[in-house]
C-alpha atoms as a PDB file:
ATOM      1  CA  MET A   1       0.000   0.000   0.000  1.00  0.00           C
ATOM      2  CA  GLY A   2       2.923   2.330  -0.550  1.00  0.00           C
ATOM      3  CA  SER A   3       3.209   4.964  -3.250  1.00  0.00           C
ATOM      4  CA  PHE A   4       2.479   4.119  -6.838  1.00  0.00           C
ATOM      5  CA  SER A   5       5.305   3.265  -9.201  1.00  0.00           C
ATOM      6  CA  ILE A   6       5.988   5.067 -12.465  1.00  0.00           C
ATOM      7  CA  TRP A   7       4.184   2.297 -14.368  1.00  0.00           C
ATOM      8  CA  HIS A   8       0.973   2.923 -12.456  1.00  0.00           C
ATOM      9  CA  TRP A   9       1.104   6.643 -13.290  1.00  0.00           C
ATOM     10  CA  LEU A  10       1.841   5.935 -16.974  1.00  0.00           C
ATOM     11  CA  ILE A  11      -1.188   3.650 -17.192  1.00  0.00           C
ATOM     12  CA  VAL A  12      -3.389   6.290 -15.543  1.00  0.00           C
ATOM     13  CA  LEU A  13      -2.061   8.917 -17.967  1.00  0.00           C
ATOM     14  CA  LEU A  14      -2.745   6.630 -20.931  1.00  0.00           C
ATOM     15  CA  VAL A  15      -6.314   6.005 -19.794  1.00  0.00           C
ATOM     16  CA  VAL A  16      -6.940   9.743 -19.306  1.00  0.00           C
ATOM     17  CA  VAL A  17      -5.579  10.528 -22.785  1.00  0.00           C
ATOM     18  CA  LEU A  18      -7.722   7.790 -24.315  1.00  0.00           C
ATOM     19  CA  ILE A  19     -10.861   9.059 -22.584  1.00  0.00           C
ATOM     20  CA  PHE A  20     -10.462  12.798 -23.140  1.00  0.00           C
ATOM     21  CA  GLY A  21      -8.130  13.061 -26.126  1.00  0.00           C
ATOM     22  CA  THR A  22      -5.084  15.292 -26.442  1.00  0.00           C
ATOM     23  CA  LYS A  23      -6.919  18.284 -27.953  1.00  0.00           C
ATOM     24  CA  LYS A  24      -9.393  18.530 -25.080  1.00  0.00           C
ATOM     25  CA  LEU A  25      -6.624  18.125 -22.486  1.00  0.00           C
ATOM     26  CA  ARG A  26      -4.618  20.879 -24.192  1.00  0.00           C
ATOM     27  CA  ASN A  27      -7.637  23.207 -24.112  1.00  0.00           C
ATOM     28  CA  ILE A  28      -8.261  22.461 -20.438  1.00  0.00           C
ATOM     29  CA  GLY A  29      -4.610  23.166 -19.640  1.00  0.00           C
ATOM     30  CA  SER A  30      -4.578  26.478 -21.484  1.00  0.00           C
ATOM     31  CA  ASP A  31      -7.861  27.575 -19.872  1.00  0.00           C
ATOM     32  CA  LEU A  32      -6.523  26.719 -16.434  1.00  0.00           C
ATOM     33  CA  GLY A  33      -3.267  28.573 -17.133  1.00  0.00           C
ATOM     34  CA  GLY A  34      -5.166  31.650 -18.306  1.00  0.00           C
ATOM     35  CA  ALA A  35      -7.308  31.602 -15.171  1.00  0.00           C
ATOM     36  CA  VAL A  36      -4.224  31.414 -12.940  1.00  0.00           C
ATOM     37  CA  LYS A  37      -2.578  34.307 -14.828  1.00  0.00           C
ATOM     38  CA  GLY A  38      -5.708  36.411 -14.504  1.00  0.00           C
ATOM     39  CA  PHE A  39      -5.957  35.684 -10.797  1.00  0.00           C
ATOM     40  CA  LYS A  40      -2.307  36.583 -10.184  1.00  0.00           C
ATOM     41  CA  GLN A  41      -2.687  39.791 -12.202  1.00  0.00           C
ATOM     42  CA  GLY A  42      -5.825  40.758 -10.291  1.00  0.00           C
ATOM     43  CA  VAL A  43      -4.170  40.148  -6.934  1.00  0.00           C
ATOM     44  CA  SER A  44      -1.037  42.084  -7.877  1.00  0.00           C
ATOM     45  CA  GLU A  45      -3.109  45.061  -9.122  1.00  0.00           C
ATOM     46  CA  GLU A  46      -5.371  45.161  -6.065  1.00  0.00           C
ATOM     47  CA  ALA A  47      -2.753  44.955  -3.294  1.00  0.00           C
ATOM     48  CA  PRO A  48      -0.562  47.996  -4.188  1.00  0.00           C
ATOM     49  CA  ARG A  49      -3.546  50.292  -4.682  1.00  0.00           C
ATOM     50  CA  GLN A  50      -4.740  49.737  -1.113  1.00  0.00           C
ATOM     51  CA  THR A  51      -1.297  50.214   0.411  1.00  0.00           C
ATOM     52  CA  ILE A  52      -0.492  53.343  -1.628  1.00  0.00           C
ATOM     53  CA  GLU A  53      -3.739  55.132  -0.803  1.00  0.00           C
ATOM     54  CA  GLY A  54      -3.496  54.040   2.814  1.00  0.00           C
ATOM     55  CA  GLU A  55      -7.186  53.461   3.242  1.00  0.00           C
ATOM     56  CA  ALA A  56      -9.426  50.460   3.326  1.00  0.00           C
ATOM     57  CA  PRO A  57     -12.133  49.969   0.723  1.00  0.00           C
ATOM     58  CA  PRO A  58     -15.377  51.797   1.588  1.00  0.00           C
ATOM     59  CA  LYS A  59     -17.859  49.888   3.696  1.00  0.00           C
ATOM     60  CA  THR A  60     -21.411  49.602   2.491  1.00  0.00           C
ATOM     61  CA  GLN A  61     -24.051  50.533   5.011  1.00  0.00           C
ATOM     62  CA  THR A  62     -27.482  49.018   5.149  1.00  0.00           C
ATOM     63  CA  PRO A  63     -30.344  51.313   6.155  1.00  0.00           C
ATOM     64  CA  ILE A  64     -31.884  50.662   9.556  1.00  0.00           C
ATOM     65  CA  LYS A  65     -35.663  50.636   9.603  1.00  0.00           C
ATOM     66  CA  ASP A  66     -37.531  52.081  12.560  1.00  0.00           C
ATOM     67  CA  LYS A  67     -39.884  49.824  14.449  1.00  0.00           C
ATOM     68  CA  GLN A  68     -42.669  52.338  13.857  1.00  0.00           C
ATOM     69  CA  ASP A  69     -42.377  51.955  10.071  1.00  0.00           C
ATOM     70  CA  THR A  70     -42.696  48.168  10.177  1.00  0.00           C
ATOM     71  CA  GLN A  71     -45.726  48.152  12.533  1.00  0.00           C
ATOM     72  CA  ALA A  72     -47.874  50.491  10.439  1.00  0.00           C
END
């Protein structure tokens, strides 16, 4: 019950390629890579803006209803 050998991983890889095909796997890989790049870019753009301005993003306030308004 130890770790799998290289032959086990090669068989798994072969089965995955046979099921999905190389074109679909390539598309999935490029989509995943693009998502990671976009996430990294978004994080790197957001962090410096908050530290340079020195203020936290504005908080949204919800209006508080009076008890008199709800009982009428």
